[in-house]
Amino acid sequence: MDISELYSIFAEHPVVTTDSRDCPEGSVFVALKGTSFNGNKFAAAALEKGCAWAVVDEAEHAGGEHTILVDDCLKTLQQLARYHRRRLGTPIVGITGTNGKTTTKELTAAVLARKYNVLCTQGNFNNDIGVPKTLLRINAGHDIAVVEMGASHPGDIKTLVDIVEPDCGLITNVGRAHLQGFGSFEGVLRTKGELYDFLRTRSDSVTFVNAGDEHLTSITGGLTH
């Protein structure tokens, strides 16, 4: 099943869950895997609890007419989110940075909400699972979305911006917290700067730059808006 076919199912059942303990009636369960869990094992239980469909990536759990077998559930979730984002075309503000992401996201959403119907990231669900799930919550009634993006390793922000495709972007700051995953401060700067890298490719993008951060201003070359 390709993404367009899966999207047709999502259009009829526009709630996605990745937790078999939380299965809203008629939702789509996506069986994610981690170091200590395998969602495939709970696909049948999710269907019994009310999910309309279950997406799995292990053939042994793909029995039943309401189970969809894919190559990789996480990648499928991300592809579905990007497809949905493109179909709706809702303007998106992307926010990242070492510190202050969640506060900045909440403040930005609060200001925009005075005039627009805004959807924003819940809490700090800002990783490769939380970001796609945020995008899949956007509906035609939303005027704009504010999406927080976090990173633990080089390339994380690129992965997320390729899914989100933000129209506007802000890096709050770049600090020396969590250097272990990046190897160096320069690694953090490059990774956070992947948001700017994406915005450079869009002639209609808008970038908000913290002019008081010399590290951020040093990577603004090529940004024209």
C-alpha atoms as a PDB file:
ATOM      1  CA  MET A   1       0.000   0.000   0.000  1.00  0.00           C
ATOM      2  CA  ASP A   2       1.437   3.362  -0.985  1.00  0.00           C
ATOM      3  CA  ILE A   3       1.117   6.563   1.036  1.00  0.00           C
ATOM      4  CA  SER A   4      -1.754   7.940  -1.032  1.00  0.00           C
ATOM      5  CA  GLU A   5      -3.798   4.811  -0.315  1.00  0.00           C
ATOM      6  CA  LEU A   6      -2.939   4.953   3.369  1.00  0.00           C
ATOM      7  CA  TYR A   7      -3.872   8.626   3.376  1.00  0.00           C
ATOM      8  CA  SER A   8      -7.315   7.740   2.044  1.00  0.00           C
ATOM      9  CA  ILE A   9      -7.778   5.579   5.126  1.00  0.00           C
ATOM     10  CA  PHE A  10      -6.468   8.352   7.381  1.00  0.00           C
ATOM     11  CA  ALA A  11      -8.907  10.806   5.776  1.00  0.00           C
ATOM     12  CA  GLU A  12     -11.760   8.599   6.983  1.00  0.00           C
ATOM     13  CA  HIS A  13     -10.129   7.889  10.357  1.00  0.00           C
ATOM     14  CA  PRO A  14      -8.146  11.068  11.143  1.00  0.00           C
ATOM     15  CA  VAL A  15      -6.784  10.085  14.538  1.00  0.00           C
ATOM     16  CA  VAL A  16      -3.444   8.281  14.826  1.00  0.00           C
ATOM     17  CA  THR A  17      -2.240   6.534  17.966  1.00  0.00           C
ATOM     18  CA  THR A  18       1.038   4.788  18.701  1.00  0.00           C
ATOM     19  CA  ASP A  19      -0.006   3.610  22.161  1.00  0.00           C
ATOM     20  CA  SER A  20      -2.122   0.464  22.395  1.00  0.00           C
ATOM     21  CA  ARG A  21      -3.314   1.656  25.815  1.00  0.00           C
ATOM     22  CA  ASP A  22      -4.870   4.728  24.201  1.00  0.00           C
ATOM     23  CA  CYS A  23      -7.078   3.637  21.311  1.00  0.00           C
ATOM     24  CA  PRO A  24      -9.816   6.137  20.442  1.00  0.00           C
ATOM     25  CA  GLU A  25     -12.717   4.543  18.605  1.00  0.00           C
ATOM     26  CA  GLY A  26     -12.058   4.488  14.877  1.00  0.00           C
ATOM     27  CA  SER A  27      -8.405   5.560  15.120  1.00  0.00           C
ATOM     28  CA  VAL A  28      -5.385   4.209  13.250  1.00  0.00           C
ATOM     29  CA  PHE A  29      -2.768   2.390  15.341  1.00  0.00           C
ATOM     30  CA  VAL A  30       0.827   2.585  14.117  1.00  0.00           C
ATOM     31  CA  ALA A  31       3.053  -0.104  15.628  1.00  0.00           C
ATOM     32  CA  LEU A  32       6.329   1.579  16.499  1.00  0.00           C
ATOM     33  CA  LYS A  33       9.337  -0.227  17.924  1.00  0.00           C
ATOM     34  CA  GLY A  34      12.004   0.773  20.417  1.00  0.00           C
ATOM     35  CA  THR A  35      14.843  -0.770  22.361  1.00  0.00           C
ATOM     36  CA  SER A  36      12.478  -2.258  24.929  1.00  0.00           C
ATOM     37  CA  PHE A  37       9.122  -2.543  23.154  1.00  0.00           C
ATOM     38  CA  ASN A  38       7.561  -3.780  19.928  1.00  0.00           C
ATOM     39  CA  GLY A  39       4.239  -2.254  18.981  1.00  0.00           C
ATOM     40  CA  ASN A  40       3.601  -5.008  16.453  1.00  0.00           C
ATOM     41  CA  LYS A  41       2.816  -7.339  19.330  1.00  0.00           C
ATOM     42  CA  PHE A  42      -0.049  -5.080  20.402  1.00  0.00           C
ATOM     43  CA  ALA A  43      -1.676  -4.502  17.010  1.00  0.00           C
ATOM     44  CA  ALA A  44      -4.405  -7.078  17.563  1.00  0.00           C
ATOM     45  CA  ALA A  45      -5.142  -5.657  21.009  1.00  0.00           C
ATOM     46  CA  ALA A  46      -5.387  -2.150  19.553  1.00  0.00           C
ATOM     47  CA  LEU A  47      -7.988  -3.325  17.051  1.00  0.00           C
ATOM     48  CA  GLU A  48      -9.947  -5.031  19.809  1.00  0.00           C
ATOM     49  CA  LYS A  49      -9.904  -1.810  21.853  1.00  0.00           C
ATOM     50  CA  GLY A  50     -11.461   0.249  19.080  1.00  0.00           C
ATOM     51  CA  CYS A  51      -8.856   1.125  16.453  1.00  0.00           C
ATOM     52  CA  ALA A  52     -10.228   0.837  12.929  1.00  0.00           C
ATOM     53  CA  TRP A  53      -6.867  -0.046  11.392  1.00  0.00           C
ATOM     54  CA  ALA A  54      -3.433  -1.201  12.536  1.00  0.00           C
ATOM     55  CA  VAL A  55      -0.225  -0.480  10.631  1.00  0.00           C
ATOM     56  CA  VAL A  56       2.537  -3.041  11.273  1.00  0.00           C
ATOM     57  CA  ASP A  57       5.945  -3.860   9.817  1.00  0.00           C
ATOM     58  CA  GLU A  58       6.255  -7.513  10.829  1.00  0.00           C
ATOM     59  CA  ALA A  59       4.439 -10.045   8.652  1.00  0.00           C
ATOM     60  CA  GLU A  60       3.607 -12.355  11.546  1.00  0.00           C
ATOM     61  CA  HIS A  61       1.365  -9.641  12.982  1.00  0.00           C
ATOM     62  CA  ALA A  62      -0.283  -8.716   9.681  1.00  0.00           C
ATOM     63  CA  GLY A  63      -3.235 -11.071   9.827  1.00  0.00           C
ATOM     64  CA  GLY A  64      -6.717  -9.658   9.401  1.00  0.00           C
ATOM     65  CA  GLU A  65      -8.358  -7.405   6.857  1.00  0.00           C
ATOM     66  CA  HIS A  66      -7.846  -4.280   8.964  1.00  0.00           C
ATOM     67  CA  THR A  67      -4.085  -4.720   9.333  1.00  0.00           C
ATOM     68  CA  ILE A  68      -1.740  -2.948   6.913  1.00  0.00           C
ATOM     69  CA  LEU A  69       1.797  -4.286   6.399  1.00  0.00           C
ATOM     70  CA  VAL A  70       4.507  -1.724   5.578  1.00  0.00           C
ATOM     71  CA  ASP A  71       8.305  -1.842   5.413  1.00  0.00           C
ATOM     72  CA  ASP A  72       8.942   0.485   8.353  1.00  0.00           C
ATOM     73  CA  CYS A  73       6.248   1.892  10.626  1.00  0.00           C
ATOM     74  CA  LEU A  74       8.220   4.954  11.751  1.00  0.00           C
ATOM     75  CA  LYS A  75       9.094   5.968   8.202  1.00  0.00           C
ATOM     76  CA  THR A  76       5.487   5.376   7.174  1.00  0.00           C
ATOM     77  CA  LEU A  77       4.261   7.622  10.001  1.00  0.00           C
ATOM     78  CA  GLN A  78       6.663  10.336   8.863  1.00  0.00           C
ATOM     79  CA  GLN A  79       5.699   9.976   5.194  1.00  0.00           C
ATOM     80  CA  LEU A  80       2.012  10.101   6.068  1.00  0.00           C
ATOM     81  CA  ALA A  81       2.563  13.281   8.084  1.00  0.00           C
ATOM     82  CA  ARG A  82       4.437  14.966   5.241  1.00  0.00           C
ATOM     83  CA  TYR A  83       1.746  13.918   2.746  1.00  0.00           C
ATOM     84  CA  HIS A  84      -0.921  15.375   5.040  1.00  0.00           C
ATOM     85  CA  ARG A  85       1.062  18.579   5.491  1.00  0.00           C
ATOM     86  CA  ARG A  86       1.338  19.012   1.726  1.00  0.00           C
ATOM     87  CA  ARG A  87      -2.326  18.262   1.120  1.00  0.00           C
ATOM     88  CA  LEU A  88      -3.509  20.903   3.594  1.00  0.00           C
ATOM     89  CA  GLY A  89      -0.850  23.528   2.890  1.00  0.00           C
ATOM     90  CA  THR A  90      -1.317  25.083   6.327  1.00  0.00           C
ATOM     91  CA  PRO A  91       1.385  27.698   7.082  1.00  0.00           C
ATOM     92  CA  ILE A  92       3.836  26.328   9.638  1.00  0.00           C
ATOM     93  CA  VAL A  93       6.258  28.051  11.994  1.00  0.00           C
ATOM     94  CA  GLY A  94       9.164  25.774  12.913  1.00  0.00           C
ATOM     95  CA  ILE A  95      11.034  26.379  16.164  1.00  0.00           C
ATOM     96  CA  THR A  96      14.249  24.794  17.414  1.00  0.00           C
ATOM     97  CA  GLY A  97      17.190  25.741  19.627  1.00  0.00           C
ATOM     98  CA  THR A  98      19.138  24.502  22.621  1.00  0.00           C
ATOM     99  CA  ASN A  99      16.999  26.224  25.250  1.00  0.00           C
ATOM    100  CA  GLY A 100      13.608  27.888  25.327  1.00  0.00           C
ATOM    101  CA  LYS A 101      11.964  25.949  22.508  1.00  0.00           C
ATOM    102  CA  THR A 102       8.824  25.000  24.387  1.00  0.00           C
ATOM    103  CA  THR A 103       8.361  28.409  26.012  1.00  0.00           C
ATOM    104  CA  THR A 104       8.896  30.179  22.690  1.00  0.00           C
ATOM    105  CA  LYS A 105       6.470  27.814  20.990  1.00  0.00           C
ATOM    106  CA  GLU A 106       3.809  28.461  23.609  1.00  0.00           C
ATOM    107  CA  LEU A 107       4.279  32.241  23.489  1.00  0.00           C
ATOM    108  CA  THR A 108       4.217  32.284  19.686  1.00  0.00           C
ATOM    109  CA  ALA A 109       1.050  30.202  19.616  1.00  0.00           C
ATOM    110  CA  ALA A 110      -0.595  32.416  22.250  1.00  0.00           C
ATOM    111  CA  VAL A 111       0.083  35.582  20.262  1.00  0.00           C
ATOM    112  CA  LEU A 112      -1.104  34.056  16.982  1.00  0.00           C
ATOM    113  CA  ALA A 113      -4.218  32.691  18.681  1.00  0.00           C
ATOM    114  CA  ARG A 114      -5.478  36.233  19.244  1.00  0.00           C
ATOM    115  CA  LYS A 115      -6.291  36.330  15.525  1.00  0.00           C
ATOM    116  CA  TYR A 116      -5.959  32.799  14.127  1.00  0.00           C
ATOM    117  CA  ASN A 117      -7.010  29.228  14.850  1.00  0.00           C
ATOM    118  CA  VAL A 118      -3.649  27.774  15.870  1.00  0.00           C
ATOM    119  CA  LEU A 119      -2.410  24.238  16.377  1.00  0.00           C
ATOM    120  CA  CYS A 120       0.852  23.763  18.226  1.00  0.00           C
ATOM    121  CA  THR A 121       3.029  20.969  19.534  1.00  0.00           C
ATOM    122  CA  GLN A 122       1.668  19.477  22.737  1.00  0.00           C
ATOM    123  CA  GLY A 123       4.213  19.703  25.534  1.00  0.00           C
ATOM    124  CA  ASN A 124       7.675  18.974  24.190  1.00  0.00           C
ATOM    125  CA  PHE A 125       6.749  16.195  21.756  1.00  0.00           C
ATOM    126  CA  ASN A 126       9.449  17.403  19.409  1.00  0.00           C
ATOM    127  CA  ASN A 127      11.207  14.286  18.099  1.00  0.00           C
ATOM    128  CA  ASP A 128      10.866  12.041  15.052  1.00  0.00           C
ATOM    129  CA  ILE A 129       7.664  10.551  16.484  1.00  0.00           C
ATOM    130  CA  GLY A 130       6.102  13.569  18.171  1.00  0.00           C
ATOM    131  CA  VAL A 131       6.558  15.907  15.207  1.00  0.00           C
ATOM    132  CA  PRO A 132       4.722  13.661  12.702  1.00  0.00           C
ATOM    133  CA  LYS A 133       1.929  13.126  15.220  1.00  0.00           C
ATOM    134  CA  THR A 134       1.646  16.896  15.629  1.00  0.00           C
ATOM    135  CA  LEU A 135       1.306  17.380  11.868  1.00  0.00           C
ATOM    136  CA  LEU A 136      -1.380  14.705  11.701  1.00  0.00           C
ATOM    137  CA  ARG A 137      -3.453  16.711  14.212  1.00  0.00           C
ATOM    138  CA  ILE A 138      -3.710  19.644  11.802  1.00  0.00           C
ATOM    139  CA  ASN A 139      -7.083  19.909  10.099  1.00  0.00           C
ATOM    140  CA  ALA A 140      -8.677  22.205   7.545  1.00  0.00           C
ATOM    141  CA  GLY A 141      -9.969  24.463  10.313  1.00  0.00           C
ATOM    142  CA  HIS A 142      -6.487  25.496  11.433  1.00  0.00           C
ATOM    143  CA  ASP A 143      -5.070  28.731  10.044  1.00  0.00           C
ATOM    144  CA  ILE A 144      -1.493  28.120  11.154  1.00  0.00           C
ATOM    145  CA  ALA A 145       0.614  25.625  13.108  1.00  0.00           C
ATOM    146  CA  VAL A 146       3.577  26.124  15.426  1.00  0.00           C
ATOM    147  CA  VAL A 147       5.825  23.076  15.515  1.00  0.00           C
ATOM    148  CA  GLU A 148       8.678  22.517  17.952  1.00  0.00           C
ATOM    149  CA  MET A 149      11.643  20.467  16.728  1.00  0.00           C
ATOM    150  CA  GLY A 150      14.312  18.945  18.957  1.00  0.00           C
ATOM    151  CA  ALA A 151      17.604  17.215  18.241  1.00  0.00           C
ATOM    152  CA  SER A 152      19.891  14.757  19.988  1.00  0.00           C
ATOM    153  CA  HIS A 153      22.212  13.882  17.113  1.00  0.00           C
ATOM    154  CA  PRO A 154      23.556  15.422  13.902  1.00  0.00           C
ATOM    155  CA  GLY A 155      20.975  15.354  11.134  1.00  0.00           C
ATOM    156  CA  ASP A 156      17.963  15.255  13.464  1.00  0.00           C
ATOM    157  CA  ILE A 157      16.696  18.703  12.477  1.00  0.00           C
ATOM    158  CA  LYS A 158      17.130  17.949   8.776  1.00  0.00           C
ATOM    159  CA  THR A 159      14.995  14.845   9.220  1.00  0.00           C
ATOM    160  CA  LEU A 160      12.292  16.910  10.899  1.00  0.00           C
ATOM    161  CA  VAL A 161      12.300  19.898   8.541  1.00  0.00           C
ATOM    162  CA  ASP A 162      12.046  17.529   5.584  1.00  0.00           C
ATOM    163  CA  ILE A 163       8.797  16.283   7.137  1.00  0.00           C
ATOM    164  CA  VAL A 164       7.467  19.616   8.416  1.00  0.00           C
ATOM    165  CA  GLU A 165       8.562  21.808   5.490  1.00  0.00           C
ATOM    166  CA  PRO A 166       8.128  24.994   7.573  1.00  0.00           C
ATOM    167  CA  ASP A 167       7.239  28.307   5.973  1.00  0.00           C
ATOM    168  CA  CYS A 168       8.800  30.302   8.811  1.00  0.00           C
ATOM    169  CA  GLY A 169      11.528  29.406  11.255  1.00  0.00           C
ATOM    170  CA  LEU A 170      13.259  30.465  14.445  1.00  0.00           C
ATOM    171  CA  ILE A 171      16.301  29.126  16.286  1.00  0.00           C
ATOM    172  CA  THR A 172      16.060  30.370  19.865  1.00  0.00           C
ATOM    173  CA  ASN A 173      19.772  29.982  20.656  1.00  0.00           C
ATOM    174  CA  VAL A 174      22.650  27.532  20.432  1.00  0.00           C
ATOM    175  CA  GLY A 175      24.264  26.435  23.684  1.00  0.00           C
ATOM    176  CA  ARG A 176      26.637  23.816  25.001  1.00  0.00           C
ATOM    177  CA  ALA A 177      24.033  21.578  26.618  1.00  0.00           C
ATOM    178  CA  HIS A 178      23.846  17.960  25.418  1.00  0.00           C
ATOM    179  CA  LEU A 179      27.153  18.110  23.540  1.00  0.00           C
ATOM    180  CA  GLN A 180      27.660  14.362  23.867  1.00  0.00           C
ATOM    181  CA  GLY A 181      25.305  13.493  21.031  1.00  0.00           C
ATOM    182  CA  PHE A 182      26.865  16.060  18.693  1.00  0.00           C
ATOM    183  CA  GLY A 183      30.572  15.706  19.407  1.00  0.00           C
ATOM    184  CA  SER A 184      31.201  19.433  19.709  1.00  0.00           C
ATOM    185  CA  PHE A 185      29.581  22.838  19.931  1.00  0.00           C
ATOM    186  CA  GLU A 186      30.110  23.204  16.195  1.00  0.00           C
ATOM    187  CA  GLY A 187      28.107  20.011  15.738  1.00  0.00           C
ATOM    188  CA  VAL A 188      25.229  21.526  17.693  1.00  0.00           C
ATOM    189  CA  LEU A 189      25.405  24.708  15.616  1.00  0.00           C
ATOM    190  CA  ARG A 190      25.401  22.775  12.337  1.00  0.00           C
ATOM    191  CA  THR A 191      22.463  20.649  13.432  1.00  0.00           C
ATOM    192  CA  LYS A 192      20.318  23.537  14.629  1.00  0.00           C
ATOM    193  CA  GLY A 193      21.330  25.402  11.473  1.00  0.00           C
ATOM    194  CA  GLU A 194      19.658  22.708   9.393  1.00  0.00           C
ATOM    195  CA  LEU A 195      16.474  24.724   9.895  1.00  0.00           C
ATOM    196  CA  TYR A 196      18.119  27.695   8.179  1.00  0.00           C
ATOM    197  CA  ASP A 197      19.438  25.354   5.468  1.00  0.00           C
ATOM    198  CA  PHE A 198      15.886  24.339   4.610  1.00  0.00           C
ATOM    199  CA  LEU A 199      14.539  27.885   4.685  1.00  0.00           C
ATOM    200  CA  ARG A 200      17.252  28.962   2.242  1.00  0.00           C
ATOM    201  CA  THR A 201      15.706  26.637  -0.339  1.00  0.00           C
ATOM    202  CA  ARG A 202      12.337  28.398  -0.154  1.00  0.00           C
ATOM    203  CA  SER A 203      12.005  31.750  -1.884  1.00  0.00           C
ATOM    204  CA  ASP A 204       8.852  32.544   0.088  1.00  0.00           C
ATOM    205  CA  SER A 205      10.145  31.567   3.533  1.00  0.00           C
ATOM    206  CA  VAL A 206      10.508  33.903   6.515  1.00  0.00           C
ATOM    207  CA  THR A 207      13.341  33.481   9.015  1.00  0.00           C
ATOM    208  CA  PHE A 208      13.407  35.064  12.459  1.00  0.00           C
ATOM    209  CA  VAL A 209      16.986  35.510  13.680  1.00  0.00           C
ATOM    210  CA  ASN A 210      18.099  36.120  17.247  1.00  0.00           C
ATOM    211  CA  ALA A 211      20.425  38.999  16.382  1.00  0.00           C
ATOM    212  CA  GLY A 212      21.887  38.921  19.873  1.00  0.00           C
ATOM    213  CA  ASP A 213      23.425  35.485  19.293  1.00  0.00           C
ATOM    214  CA  GLU A 214      26.641  35.820  17.299  1.00  0.00           C
ATOM    215  CA  HIS A 215      26.720  32.099  16.615  1.00  0.00           C
ATOM    216  CA  LEU A 216      23.335  32.281  14.919  1.00  0.00           C
ATOM    217  CA  THR A 217      24.129  35.403  12.950  1.00  0.00           C
ATOM    218  CA  SER A 218      27.264  33.657  11.668  1.00  0.00           C
ATOM    219  CA  ILE A 219      25.169  31.063   9.815  1.00  0.00           C
ATOM    220  CA  THR A 220      22.582  33.353   8.253  1.00  0.00           C
ATOM    221  CA  GLY A 221      24.341  33.695   4.912  1.00  0.00           C
ATOM    222  CA  GLY A 222      21.953  33.229   2.015  1.00  0.00           C
ATOM    223  CA  LEU A 223      18.853  34.007   4.058  1.00  0.00           C
ATOM    224  CA  THR A 224      17.017  36.828   2.323  1.00  0.00           C
ATOM    225  CA  HIS A 225      13.688  36.990   4.168  1.00  0.00           C
END
